[in-house]
Amino acid sequence: MEAAEFEEAVGDALDAVPAELMALLDNVVFFVADEPPPGDPDLLGVYDGTPITERGDGWAGALPDRITIFRGPLTRMCADRDDLLDEIAVTVVHEIAHHFGIDDARLHDLGWG
């Protein structure tokens, strides 16, 4: 899948997240990158920020949290376009959950790992 089509698929996955949930996101930006950092080549996405559950009074005015979805590992792990679209959606939800303070173990228990 070409980069532009992948970015559109990430946008579609974000559009599929219920509006009520998206409205609860606080100071978050989304990015698409071709590859994850060299030390973690299989990383599908990453949340970089302070989860809502850990924010204190001094948090106001902080830079936005970042959610990055990585095209390379996702396209390499999926057998076909439908698989890829499903995995993009799962990855988007997984990273949004981190913003709300849900850790990987709990996400795996819920089937979003």
Protein backbone atom coordinates (compact mmCIF):
# COMPACT_ATOMS: atom_id res chain seq x y z
CA MET A 1 0.00 0.00 0.00
CA GLU A 2 1.39 3.38 -1.00
CA ALA A 3 2.01 6.03 1.67
CA ALA A 4 -0.93 8.26 0.70
CA GLU A 5 -3.38 5.35 0.71
CA PHE A 6 -2.02 4.19 4.07
CA GLU A 7 -2.50 7.67 5.56
CA GLU A 8 -6.07 7.67 4.24
CA ALA A 9 -6.65 4.27 5.86
CA VAL A 10 -5.40 5.64 9.20
CA GLY A 11 -7.78 8.58 8.75
CA ASP A 12 -10.63 6.15 8.07
CA ALA A 13 -9.73 4.21 11.23
CA LEU A 14 -9.82 7.44 13.23
CA ASP A 15 -13.18 8.32 11.68
CA ALA A 16 -14.51 4.94 12.82
CA VAL A 17 -13.69 5.66 16.48
CA PRO A 18 -16.92 6.80 18.16
CA ALA A 19 -17.19 10.60 18.27
CA GLU A 20 -17.90 10.46 22.00
CA LEU A 21 -14.54 8.78 22.59
CA MET A 22 -12.64 11.10 20.25
CA ALA A 23 -14.13 14.08 22.11
CA LEU A 24 -12.47 12.81 25.30
CA LEU A 25 -8.98 12.94 23.78
CA ASP A 26 -7.09 15.83 25.30
CA ASN A 27 -4.25 17.49 23.39
CA VAL A 28 -3.34 14.58 21.10
CA VAL A 29 -1.94 14.65 17.56
CA PHE A 30 -1.71 11.70 15.18
CA PHE A 31 1.16 10.95 12.82
CA VAL A 32 2.03 8.30 10.26
CA ALA A 33 5.67 7.32 9.81
CA ASP A 34 7.24 4.82 7.46
CA GLU A 35 9.29 2.95 10.05
CA PRO A 36 9.62 2.73 13.84
CA PRO A 37 12.88 3.50 15.67
CA PRO A 38 15.73 1.14 14.72
CA GLY A 39 15.69 -0.64 18.07
CA ASP A 40 12.09 -1.81 17.67
CA PRO A 41 11.51 -2.75 14.02
CA ASP A 42 8.21 -4.58 14.66
CA LEU A 43 6.51 -1.71 16.51
CA LEU A 44 3.14 -1.01 14.88
CA GLY A 45 2.33 2.20 16.71
CA VAL A 46 3.41 4.23 19.70
CA TYR A 47 1.83 6.61 22.18
CA ASP A 48 4.23 9.26 23.39
CA GLY A 49 2.78 11.45 26.09
CA THR A 50 1.29 11.62 29.54
CA PRO A 51 -1.85 9.51 29.98
CA ILE A 52 -4.86 11.36 31.33
CA THR A 53 -4.69 9.21 34.46
CA GLU A 54 -1.21 10.55 35.28
CA ARG A 55 -1.69 14.25 34.63
CA GLY A 56 -1.40 16.60 37.54
CA ASP A 57 -1.97 20.30 38.05
CA GLY A 58 1.34 21.20 36.38
CA TRP A 59 0.47 19.44 33.14
CA ALA A 60 -1.42 22.38 31.59
CA GLY A 61 0.38 23.96 28.66
CA ALA A 62 2.37 20.83 27.78
CA LEU A 63 3.09 19.92 24.20
CA PRO A 64 0.51 17.59 22.63
CA ASP A 65 0.72 13.86 23.17
CA ARG A 66 1.71 12.04 19.98
CA ILE A 67 0.32 8.87 18.50
CA THR A 68 2.36 7.51 15.60
CA ILE A 69 1.29 4.63 13.36
CA PHE A 70 4.09 2.88 11.44
CA ARG A 71 3.39 1.86 7.86
CA GLY A 72 6.33 -0.51 7.28
CA PRO A 73 5.70 -3.12 9.97
CA LEU A 74 1.94 -3.04 9.42
CA THR A 75 2.20 -3.60 5.67
CA ARG A 76 4.80 -6.36 6.12
CA MET A 77 2.77 -8.32 8.67
CA CYS A 78 -0.55 -8.33 6.78
CA ALA A 79 -1.37 -10.83 4.06
CA ASP A 80 -3.79 -8.61 2.15
CA ARG A 81 -5.47 -5.21 2.09
CA ASP A 82 -8.41 -6.27 4.28
CA ASP A 83 -6.00 -7.64 6.89
CA LEU A 84 -4.06 -4.40 6.78
CA LEU A 85 -7.16 -2.23 7.22
CA ASP A 86 -8.23 -4.33 10.22
CA GLU A 87 -4.78 -4.16 11.79
CA ILE A 88 -4.58 -0.37 11.28
CA ALA A 89 -7.90 -0.01 13.11
CA VAL A 90 -6.72 -2.22 15.99
CA THR A 91 -3.45 -0.28 16.25
CA VAL A 92 -5.24 3.08 16.32
CA VAL A 93 -7.58 1.92 19.11
CA HIS A 94 -4.65 0.38 21.00
CA GLU A 95 -2.67 3.63 20.98
CA ILE A 96 -5.71 5.75 21.90
CA ALA A 97 -6.26 3.44 24.87
CA HIS A 98 -2.77 4.30 26.16
CA HIS A 99 -3.83 7.95 26.23
CA PHE A 100 -6.54 6.91 28.70
CA GLY A 101 -4.03 5.04 30.86
CA ILE A 102 -4.79 1.49 29.71
CA ASP A 103 -1.60 -0.59 29.66
CA ASP A 104 -0.57 -3.32 27.23
CA ALA A 105 -1.47 -6.17 29.58
CA ARG A 106 -5.05 -4.93 29.96
CA LEU A 107 -5.34 -4.29 26.21
CA HIS A 108 -4.26 -7.87 25.54
CA ASP A 109 -6.85 -9.12 28.04
CA LEU A 110 -9.49 -7.10 26.18
CA GLY A 111 -8.43 -8.44 22.77
CA TRP A 112 -6.82 -5.19 21.56
CA GLY A 113 -3.22 -6.29 21.99
